[in-house]
Amino acid sequence: MFQNLSEKLDKALHVLKGHGKITEVNVAETLKEVRKALINADVNYKIAKDFTARVKEKAIGQDVLTTLNPGQLLVKLVKDELTDLMGGETVGVNLTGSPTVILMSGLQGSGKTTFSGKLANYLTNKKSKQVLLVGCDIYRPAAINQLQIVGEQIGVEVYAEVGNNNPVEISLNAIKHAKATGKNTVIIDTAGRLAVDKEMMTEISNIHKAVNPQETLFVVDSMTGQDAVNTAKAFNDLLNFDGVILTKLDGDTRGGAALSIKSIVNKPIKFIGTGEKMDAIDVFHPDRMADRILGMGDVVSLVERAQEQYDEEAARKIQKKIAKDQFGFDDFLAQIQQIKKMGNVKDLMGMIPGVGKAMKDIDIDDDAFKGIEAIIHSMTPSERTEPKSINASRKKRIAKGSGSTIQEVNQLMKQFTQMSKMMKMMQGGGGNSRKMMQMMQGIR
């Protein structure tokens, strides 16, 4: 995400490299390039101009600390301003009320229905909520059916009244149903249009007045850039919503919406969507996003994802296997599954400082482990348990069965052997073995 913006900012901030002091002369060229980078990312011109003006005001005349050169200092100032531009601090979702009512709004095609499911999944698994999804899109063909498929996928009940063309009535009946069935959270998926129109705005306003939600969230496609910001303003003028959801941040987004929307509507970005899967939802942290835009990575989020997938009991079992030299391909496969649960591989790599820039031209998709998995699944149970039993003839059979080459099978075997030796060595390090298991469970 924000790859083009990151590259342009990186080039701009290199201008000061080697200077001993920040002056009005040497900072002007840098901030001119920073402003160009922001405008190219579809940030509103006035916002970009004000942004660089604030950075310049803070930078001019500052003595560079002994540990910082002018370039590093300006990066820090830009990072702080980016953080403030995107909201400054993390703002959670309001879950008060009995039940909590969350109203989803936005244009058609913004990913509103899919994100309603993601939010329901997040609240169910991360906040232990009993969620009811409500289908109030009575216009779009198969909209309710889509929501029902999503609900079935995540194990969340979907309330719908097929044939009822009154979304206000459906919403009120859904809240009654939630109370009767012990649901403490109601997420209402409303209808969208291809553009803002009077009929649409009147309908969402009527629903808003009737249900009086604890949270009104505006879902916006981040790939639409400045248009998304203008749409957000129209909705906010009517609904005075509580927060913004940015979807499709895993796509070829320029970043204009994320960087501009807080300044225009003065409402926080609360969540972002980073993929198609139901768990591809992240709480929005302005400071972490600023780090990622500037190529500094996001180690905190990476560790949090790793901790979510860390299974202490499974780690203990693997430790015992390593100690007895019994670590096999089934265990290796289990580690791969843990990594896949953490999200898109390239996105994860981008969270490691310095790695994102190095991998900018490398295409890593969600099937990055597909070849490895195919090879392992082509092994017999005994071969997976006893990798040393895999001889030349067995490698030939495994390669044929997995659609790979003998060279690829050999490469996997070599990597597996090297990793097993490293893990065995770590076992002798006392407390280090636990750290190694955490690394294996999360970051590898």
Protein backbone atom coordinates (compact mmCIF):
# COMPACT_ATOMS: atom_id res chain seq x y z
CA MET A 1 0.00 0.00 0.00
CA PHE A 2 1.11 3.60 -0.69
CA GLN A 3 4.11 2.23 -2.61
CA ASN A 4 4.32 5.14 -5.08
CA LEU A 5 3.97 7.74 -2.33
CA SER A 6 6.60 5.98 -0.23
CA GLU A 7 9.09 5.97 -3.11
CA LYS A 8 8.56 9.67 -3.90
CA LEU A 9 8.85 10.72 -0.26
CA ASP A 10 12.01 8.63 0.10
CA LYS A 11 13.60 10.43 -2.87
CA ALA A 12 12.50 13.82 -1.60
CA LEU A 13 13.90 13.30 1.89
CA HIS A 14 17.29 12.21 0.54
CA VAL A 15 17.96 15.75 -0.64
CA LEU A 16 19.21 16.81 2.80
CA LYS A 17 21.57 13.88 3.19
CA GLY A 18 25.05 15.04 4.12
CA HIS A 19 24.10 18.55 5.26
CA GLY A 20 25.11 19.60 8.76
CA LYS A 21 22.20 21.91 9.45
CA ILE A 22 18.65 22.54 8.31
CA THR A 23 18.28 25.98 6.71
CA GLU A 24 15.50 27.70 4.77
CA VAL A 25 17.49 27.15 1.57
CA ASN A 26 18.22 23.43 1.83
CA VAL A 27 14.80 22.54 3.25
CA ALA A 28 12.83 24.36 0.51
CA GLU A 29 13.73 21.94 -2.28
CA THR A 30 12.98 18.92 -0.12
CA LEU A 31 9.56 20.16 0.97
CA LYS A 32 8.71 21.13 -2.61
CA GLU A 33 9.24 17.48 -3.59
CA VAL A 34 7.27 16.31 -0.54
CA ARG A 35 4.36 18.53 -1.60
CA LYS A 36 4.53 17.14 -5.14
CA ALA A 37 4.51 13.59 -3.75
CA LEU A 38 1.39 14.30 -1.69
CA ILE A 39 -0.46 15.93 -4.58
CA ASN A 40 0.51 13.03 -6.84
CA ALA A 41 -1.02 10.72 -4.22
CA ASP A 42 -4.31 12.63 -4.77
CA VAL A 43 -4.09 14.67 -1.58
CA ASN A 44 -5.97 17.96 -1.74
CA TYR A 45 -3.61 20.79 -2.80
CA LYS A 46 -4.43 23.02 0.19
CA ILE A 47 -3.89 20.14 2.61
CA ALA A 48 -0.54 19.32 0.98
CA LYS A 49 0.52 22.99 1.07
CA ASP A 50 -0.47 23.42 4.73
CA PHE A 51 1.29 20.15 5.58
CA THR A 52 4.65 21.25 4.17
CA ALA A 53 4.25 24.72 5.68
CA ARG A 54 3.91 23.20 9.16
CA VAL A 55 6.94 20.96 8.62
CA LYS A 56 9.00 23.93 7.40
CA GLU A 57 8.00 26.06 10.39
CA LYS A 58 9.12 23.31 12.80
CA ALA A 59 12.32 22.56 10.87
CA ILE A 60 13.81 26.00 10.18
CA GLY A 61 16.60 26.92 12.54
CA GLN A 62 16.55 23.68 14.52
CA ASP A 63 19.95 22.48 15.62
CA VAL A 64 20.47 18.89 14.58
CA LEU A 65 20.96 16.56 17.52
CA THR A 66 24.24 14.66 17.65
CA THR A 67 22.42 11.44 16.84
CA LEU A 68 20.52 12.89 13.89
CA ASN A 69 21.50 14.39 10.59
CA PRO A 70 19.22 16.94 8.88
CA GLY A 71 17.66 14.25 6.70
CA GLN A 72 16.78 12.12 9.72
CA LEU A 73 15.35 15.09 11.57
CA LEU A 74 13.15 16.06 8.63
CA VAL A 75 11.94 12.45 8.33
CA LYS A 76 10.90 12.62 11.97
CA LEU A 77 9.07 15.91 11.43
CA VAL A 78 7.31 14.55 8.32
CA LYS A 79 6.39 11.38 10.20
CA ASP A 80 4.88 13.39 13.07
CA GLU A 81 2.88 15.55 10.65
CA LEU A 82 1.67 12.50 8.70
CA THR A 83 0.50 10.98 11.97
CA ASP A 84 -1.40 14.15 12.90
CA LEU A 85 -2.82 14.43 9.37
CA MET A 86 -4.32 10.94 9.66
CA GLY A 87 -5.84 11.56 13.07
CA GLY A 88 -3.01 11.49 15.56
CA GLU A 89 -4.29 8.68 17.73
CA THR A 90 -6.10 5.37 17.43
CA VAL A 91 -9.87 5.61 17.97
CA GLY A 92 -11.82 2.46 18.76
CA VAL A 93 -15.40 1.58 17.96
CA ASN A 94 -18.09 2.55 20.48
CA LEU A 95 -19.64 -0.66 21.84
CA THR A 96 -21.99 0.80 24.43
CA GLY A 97 -25.75 0.27 24.28
CA SER A 98 -27.96 -2.76 24.70
CA PRO A 99 -27.72 -3.79 21.99
CA THR A 100 -24.98 -1.74 20.34
CA VAL A 101 -26.28 -0.57 16.96
CA ILE A 102 -23.74 0.07 14.20
CA LEU A 103 -25.01 1.68 11.00
CA MET A 104 -22.94 1.17 7.84
CA SER A 105 -23.14 3.82 5.12
CA GLY A 106 -21.42 4.45 1.81
CA LEU A 107 -21.72 4.29 -1.96
CA GLN A 108 -22.34 1.11 -3.94
CA GLY A 109 -19.10 -0.68 -4.75
CA SER A 110 -17.23 0.64 -1.72
CA GLY A 111 -17.13 -2.82 -0.14
CA LYS A 112 -19.76 -2.01 2.49
CA THR A 113 -21.46 -5.42 2.60
CA THR A 114 -18.18 -7.32 2.69
CA PHE A 115 -16.82 -5.05 5.41
CA SER A 116 -20.00 -5.48 7.45
CA GLY A 117 -19.10 -9.17 7.53
CA LYS A 118 -15.46 -8.43 8.40
CA LEU A 119 -16.53 -6.17 11.26
CA ALA A 120 -18.97 -8.81 12.52
CA ASN A 121 -16.18 -11.39 12.39
CA TYR A 122 -13.79 -9.02 14.22
CA LEU A 123 -16.29 -8.21 16.96
CA THR A 124 -17.20 -11.89 17.39
CA ASN A 125 -13.64 -13.20 17.63
CA LYS A 126 -11.74 -10.24 19.11
CA LYS A 127 -14.38 -8.65 21.34
CA SER A 128 -16.50 -11.74 22.17
CA LYS A 129 -19.70 -10.06 20.94
CA GLN A 130 -22.91 -11.77 19.87
CA VAL A 131 -23.53 -10.13 16.52
CA LEU A 132 -26.58 -9.86 14.29
CA LEU A 133 -26.10 -8.71 10.68
CA VAL A 134 -29.05 -6.91 9.11
CA GLY A 135 -29.71 -6.76 5.37
CA CYS A 136 -31.32 -3.42 4.49
CA ASP A 137 -30.13 -3.14 0.88
CA ILE A 138 -33.48 -3.71 -0.77
CA TYR A 139 -32.39 -2.47 -4.22
CA ARG A 140 -29.20 -4.18 -5.32
CA PRO A 141 -29.83 -7.61 -6.82
CA ALA A 142 -28.65 -10.45 -4.57
CA ALA A 143 -27.38 -7.98 -1.91
CA ILE A 144 -29.15 -9.80 0.92
CA ASN A 145 -28.05 -13.14 -0.47
CA GLN A 146 -24.44 -11.89 -0.46
CA LEU A 147 -24.78 -10.88 3.19
CA GLN A 148 -26.27 -14.28 4.05
CA ILE A 149 -23.33 -16.05 2.38
CA VAL A 150 -20.92 -13.86 4.36
CA GLY A 151 -22.85 -14.55 7.57
CA GLU A 152 -22.76 -18.29 6.99
CA GLN A 153 -19.02 -18.12 6.27
CA ILE A 154 -18.26 -16.44 9.63
CA GLY A 155 -20.99 -18.12 11.68
CA VAL A 156 -23.05 -14.96 12.29
CA GLU A 157 -26.86 -14.78 11.98
CA VAL A 158 -28.28 -12.53 9.26
CA TYR A 159 -31.67 -10.88 9.71
CA ALA A 160 -33.59 -10.11 6.52
CA GLU A 161 -37.19 -9.61 5.49
CA VAL A 162 -37.47 -10.63 1.85
CA GLY A 163 -40.32 -8.72 0.20
CA ASN A 164 -40.35 -5.90 2.74
CA ASN A 165 -39.31 -2.68 0.98
CA ASN A 166 -39.20 -0.53 4.10
CA PRO A 167 -35.62 -0.44 5.43
CA VAL A 168 -36.60 1.57 8.52
CA GLU A 169 -39.12 -1.10 9.49
CA ILE A 170 -36.61 -3.88 8.80
CA SER A 171 -34.01 -2.15 11.00
CA LEU A 172 -36.39 -1.70 13.94
CA ASN A 173 -37.63 -5.29 13.67
CA ALA A 174 -34.03 -6.51 13.57
CA ILE A 175 -33.20 -4.71 16.83
CA LYS A 176 -36.23 -6.32 18.47
CA HIS A 177 -35.06 -9.70 17.18
CA ALA A 178 -31.58 -9.07 18.56
CA LYS A 179 -32.96 -8.34 22.02
CA ALA A 180 -35.17 -11.43 21.91
CA THR A 181 -32.29 -13.72 20.87
CA GLY A 182 -29.57 -12.36 23.17
CA LYS A 183 -27.55 -10.52 20.52
CA ASN A 184 -25.65 -7.56 21.98
CA THR A 185 -24.43 -6.03 18.70
CA VAL A 186 -26.41 -5.18 15.57
CA ILE A 187 -24.68 -4.22 12.31
CA ILE A 188 -27.03 -2.72 9.72
CA ASP A 189 -25.89 -2.95 6.10
CA THR A 190 -27.71 -0.20 4.19
CA ALA A 191 -28.21 0.35 0.48
CA GLY A 192 -25.68 2.27 -1.58
CA ARG A 193 -25.95 4.07 -4.89
CA LEU A 194 -23.49 4.70 -7.70
CA ALA A 195 -23.48 8.37 -6.69
CA VAL A 196 -24.86 10.59 -3.95
CA ASP A 197 -28.52 11.32 -4.66
CA LYS A 198 -31.45 12.79 -2.74
CA GLU A 199 -33.40 9.52 -2.47
CA MET A 200 -30.43 7.65 -1.07
CA MET A 201 -29.56 10.34 1.46
CA THR A 202 -33.15 10.62 2.65
CA GLU A 203 -33.36 6.88 3.20
CA ILE A 204 -30.14 6.56 5.19
CA SER A 205 -31.12 9.63 7.21
CA ASN A 206 -34.51 8.08 8.08
CA ILE A 207 -32.83 4.85 9.22
CA HIS A 208 -30.33 6.84 11.28
CA LYS A 209 -33.08 8.81 13.05
CA ALA A 210 -35.15 5.66 13.71
CA VAL A 211 -32.46 3.40 15.19
CA ASN A 212 -30.28 6.10 16.84
CA PRO A 213 -27.06 4.07 16.42
CA GLN A 214 -24.13 4.14 18.82
CA GLU A 215 -21.82 4.07 15.80
CA THR A 216 -22.37 5.35 12.27
CA LEU A 217 -19.51 4.32 10.01
CA PHE A 218 -18.81 5.57 6.50
CA VAL A 219 -17.23 2.95 4.23
CA VAL A 220 -15.09 4.32 1.43
CA ASP A 221 -13.07 2.72 -1.35
CA SER A 222 -9.55 4.08 -0.84
CA MET A 223 -8.76 3.58 -4.53
CA THR A 224 -11.14 6.42 -5.48
CA GLY A 225 -8.81 9.00 -3.91
CA GLN A 226 -10.07 12.57 -3.64
CA ASP A 227 -13.55 11.60 -4.87
CA ALA A 228 -13.86 9.47 -1.76
CA VAL A 229 -13.12 12.50 0.42
CA ASN A 230 -15.80 14.57 -1.32
CA THR A 231 -18.35 11.78 -0.85
CA ALA A 232 -17.39 11.47 2.82
CA LYS A 233 -18.11 15.18 3.30
CA ALA A 234 -21.60 14.83 1.77
CA PHE A 235 -22.44 11.91 4.07
CA ASN A 236 -20.97 13.61 7.14
CA ASP A 237 -22.98 16.79 6.53
CA LEU A 238 -26.12 14.66 6.67
CA LEU A 239 -25.32 11.94 9.22
CA ASN A 240 -22.51 13.42 11.31
CA PHE A 241 -20.98 9.93 11.27
CA ASP A 242 -18.56 8.69 13.92
CA GLY A 243 -15.76 7.23 11.86
CA VAL A 244 -14.42 6.13 8.50
CA ILE A 245 -13.63 2.67 7.12
CA LEU A 246 -11.06 2.54 4.31
CA THR A 247 -11.38 -0.55 2.11
CA LYS A 248 -9.10 -2.00 -0.59
CA LEU A 249 -5.89 -0.65 0.92
CA ASP A 250 -4.20 -3.79 -0.44
CA GLY A 251 -4.82 -2.55 -3.99
CA ASP A 252 -3.05 0.05 -6.11
CA THR A 253 -4.12 2.93 -3.89
CA ARG A 254 -2.40 6.30 -4.07
CA GLY A 255 -3.27 7.14 -0.47
CA GLY A 256 -5.12 10.43 -0.99
CA ALA A 257 -8.21 9.33 0.93
CA ALA A 258 -6.27 8.13 3.97
CA LEU A 259 -4.20 11.30 4.10
CA SER A 260 -6.98 13.82 3.42
CA ILE A 261 -10.19 12.54 4.93
CA LYS A 262 -9.52 13.48 8.56
CA SER A 263 -8.75 17.09 7.58
CA ILE A 264 -11.96 17.42 5.56
CA VAL A 265 -14.55 15.77 7.84
CA ASN A 266 -12.67 15.84 11.18
CA LYS A 267 -13.65 12.23 11.86
CA PRO A 268 -11.20 9.42 12.62
CA ILE A 269 -10.36 6.48 10.39
CA LYS A 270 -11.27 3.53 12.60
CA PHE A 271 -10.61 0.45 10.47
CA ILE A 272 -8.96 -0.50 7.20
CA GLY A 273 -9.59 -3.42 4.87
CA THR A 274 -6.49 -5.12 3.52
CA GLY A 275 -7.80 -8.04 1.47
CA GLU A 276 -10.77 -10.17 0.47
CA LYS A 277 -10.72 -12.64 3.37
CA MET A 278 -13.01 -12.10 6.36
CA ASP A 279 -10.07 -11.59 8.73
CA ALA A 280 -8.47 -8.93 6.48
CA ILE A 281 -9.41 -6.09 8.81
CA ASP A 282 -7.08 -3.94 10.90
CA VAL A 283 -7.65 -1.25 13.49
CA PHE A 284 -6.22 1.97 12.03
CA HIS A 285 -3.16 3.32 13.83
CA PRO A 286 -2.08 6.70 12.35
CA ASP A 287 1.47 6.49 13.77
CA ARG A 288 2.05 2.99 12.42
CA MET A 289 0.68 3.94 9.00
CA ALA A 290 2.99 6.95 8.91
CA ASP A 291 5.92 4.63 9.64
CA ARG A 292 4.92 2.35 6.78
CA ILE A 293 4.49 5.23 4.33
CA LEU A 294 8.02 6.38 5.16
CA GLY A 295 9.44 2.88 4.75
CA MET A 296 10.05 2.32 8.46
CA GLY A 297 7.93 -0.81 8.66
CA ASP A 298 5.40 -1.66 11.34
CA VAL A 299 6.95 -4.12 13.76
CA VAL A 300 4.29 -3.57 16.44
CA SER A 301 1.46 -4.71 14.14
CA LEU A 302 3.57 -7.63 12.94
CA VAL A 303 4.16 -8.80 16.52
CA GLU A 304 0.47 -8.37 17.34
CA ARG A 305 -0.52 -10.58 14.41
CA ALA A 306 2.06 -13.16 15.46
CA GLN A 307 0.75 -13.15 19.04
CA GLU A 308 -2.81 -13.69 17.83
CA GLN A 309 -1.72 -16.90 16.09
CA TYR A 310 0.72 -18.08 18.76
CA ASP A 311 -0.42 -21.38 20.30
CA GLU A 312 1.59 -22.02 23.47
CA GLU A 313 0.54 -25.66 23.80
CA ALA A 314 1.44 -26.40 20.17
CA ALA A 315 4.78 -24.64 20.70
CA ARG A 316 5.57 -26.87 23.69
CA LYS A 317 4.82 -29.99 21.65
CA ILE A 318 7.11 -28.84 18.85
CA GLN A 319 9.85 -28.04 21.36
CA LYS A 320 9.70 -31.62 22.58
CA LYS A 321 9.89 -32.92 19.00
CA ILE A 322 12.91 -30.74 18.29
CA ALA A 323 14.64 -31.99 21.44
CA LYS A 324 14.05 -35.60 20.32
CA ASP A 325 15.00 -34.82 16.71
CA GLN A 326 11.44 -35.66 15.62
CA PHE A 327 10.51 -32.38 13.90
CA GLY A 328 8.93 -33.41 10.59
CA PHE A 329 7.20 -31.98 7.55
CA ASP A 330 3.75 -32.12 9.22
CA ASP A 331 5.10 -29.73 11.86
CA PHE A 332 6.64 -27.57 9.14
CA LEU A 333 3.29 -27.48 7.35
CA ALA A 334 1.58 -26.41 10.58
CA GLN A 335 3.99 -23.45 10.81
CA ILE A 336 3.08 -22.42 7.26
CA GLN A 337 -0.62 -22.45 8.16
CA GLN A 338 0.11 -20.14 11.11
CA ILE A 339 1.91 -17.68 8.82
CA LYS A 340 -0.95 -17.75 6.29
CA LYS A 341 -3.43 -16.88 9.03
CA MET A 342 -1.47 -13.71 9.72
CA GLY A 343 -2.38 -12.25 6.33
CA ASN A 344 -0.94 -11.46 2.92
CA VAL A 345 2.76 -12.41 2.83
CA LYS A 346 3.94 -9.28 0.99
CA ASP A 347 1.98 -7.14 3.43
CA LEU A 348 3.68 -8.91 6.34
CA MET A 349 7.12 -8.45 4.77
CA GLY A 350 6.35 -4.75 4.33
CA MET A 351 5.99 -4.46 8.11
CA ILE A 352 9.66 -5.31 8.57
CA PRO A 353 11.79 -2.12 8.46
CA GLY A 354 13.73 -1.86 5.19
CA VAL A 355 12.23 -5.00 3.67
CA GLY A 356 9.25 -3.32 2.01
CA LYS A 357 11.49 -1.12 -0.13
CA ALA A 358 13.68 -4.06 -1.11
CA MET A 359 10.64 -6.08 -2.21
CA LYS A 360 8.84 -3.35 -4.14
CA ASP A 361 9.38 -5.07 -7.51
CA ILE A 362 8.87 -8.63 -6.23
CA ASP A 363 5.41 -10.08 -6.73
CA ILE A 364 4.32 -12.29 -3.82
CA ASP A 365 0.71 -13.40 -3.89
CA ASP A 366 -1.47 -15.25 -1.39
CA ASP A 367 -0.40 -18.57 -2.98
CA ALA A 368 3.26 -18.04 -2.11
CA PHE A 369 3.36 -21.32 -0.16
CA LYS A 370 1.32 -23.28 -2.68
CA GLY A 371 4.33 -25.08 -4.21
CA ILE A 372 5.76 -26.04 -0.81
CA GLU A 373 2.39 -27.31 0.38
CA ALA A 374 1.94 -29.36 -2.80
CA ILE A 375 5.34 -31.04 -2.32
CA ILE A 376 4.63 -31.88 1.34
CA HIS A 377 1.15 -33.19 0.56
CA SER A 378 2.69 -35.47 -2.09
CA MET A 379 4.73 -37.21 0.59
CA THR A 380 3.43 -40.26 2.41
CA PRO A 381 2.65 -39.92 6.14
CA SER A 382 5.81 -41.87 6.99
CA GLU A 383 7.92 -39.62 4.74
CA ARG A 384 6.58 -36.51 6.44
CA THR A 385 7.40 -38.03 9.82
CA GLU A 386 10.84 -39.34 8.76
CA PRO A 387 12.28 -36.87 6.19
CA LYS A 388 15.59 -38.78 6.18
CA SER A 389 13.81 -41.71 4.51
CA ILE A 390 13.24 -39.67 1.33
CA ASN A 391 15.72 -41.04 -1.20
CA ALA A 392 16.22 -40.26 -4.90
CA SER A 393 13.38 -42.48 -6.17
CA ARG A 394 10.97 -41.04 -3.61
CA LYS A 395 11.94 -37.50 -4.57
CA LYS A 396 11.14 -38.34 -8.19
CA ARG A 397 7.70 -39.62 -7.17
CA ILE A 398 7.05 -36.57 -4.93
CA ALA A 399 8.06 -34.18 -7.72
CA LYS A 400 5.74 -35.87 -10.18
CA GLY A 401 2.85 -35.95 -7.72
CA SER A 402 3.20 -32.27 -6.81
CA GLY A 403 3.77 -30.94 -10.32
CA SER A 404 7.22 -29.68 -9.37
CA THR A 405 10.78 -30.53 -10.32
CA ILE A 406 13.30 -32.71 -8.49
CA GLN A 407 15.41 -29.54 -8.05
CA GLU A 408 12.51 -27.86 -6.21
CA VAL A 409 12.05 -30.91 -3.98
CA ASN A 410 15.80 -30.91 -3.24
CA GLN A 411 15.70 -27.21 -2.42
CA LEU A 412 12.86 -27.70 0.05
CA MET A 413 14.65 -30.65 1.64
CA LYS A 414 17.81 -28.56 2.02
CA GLN A 415 15.96 -25.63 3.56
CA PHE A 416 14.10 -27.94 5.91
CA THR A 417 17.35 -29.58 7.06
CA GLN A 418 19.01 -26.22 7.65
CA MET A 419 16.03 -24.94 9.61
CA SER A 420 15.87 -28.13 11.70
CA LYS A 421 19.58 -27.79 12.59
CA MET A 422 19.10 -24.15 13.57
CA MET A 423 16.14 -25.02 15.77
CA LYS A 424 18.10 -27.86 17.36
CA MET A 425 20.93 -25.44 18.17
CA MET A 426 18.48 -22.99 19.70
CA GLN A 427 17.22 -25.73 22.01
CA GLY A 428 20.54 -25.64 23.80
CA GLY A 429 20.18 -21.96 24.60
CA GLY A 430 17.78 -22.17 27.53
CA GLY A 431 15.47 -19.15 27.27
CA ASN A 432 16.39 -18.74 23.61
CA SER A 433 14.36 -21.79 22.66
CA ARG A 434 11.16 -20.06 23.69
CA LYS A 435 12.07 -17.01 21.62
CA MET A 436 12.77 -19.28 18.67
CA MET A 437 9.35 -20.89 18.98
CA GLN A 438 7.67 -17.49 19.06
CA MET A 439 9.61 -16.56 15.93
CA MET A 440 8.58 -19.80 14.23
CA GLN A 441 4.94 -19.31 15.22
CA GLY A 442 4.84 -15.77 13.95
CA ILE A 443 7.47 -14.24 11.75
CA ARG A 444 8.95 -17.07 9.65
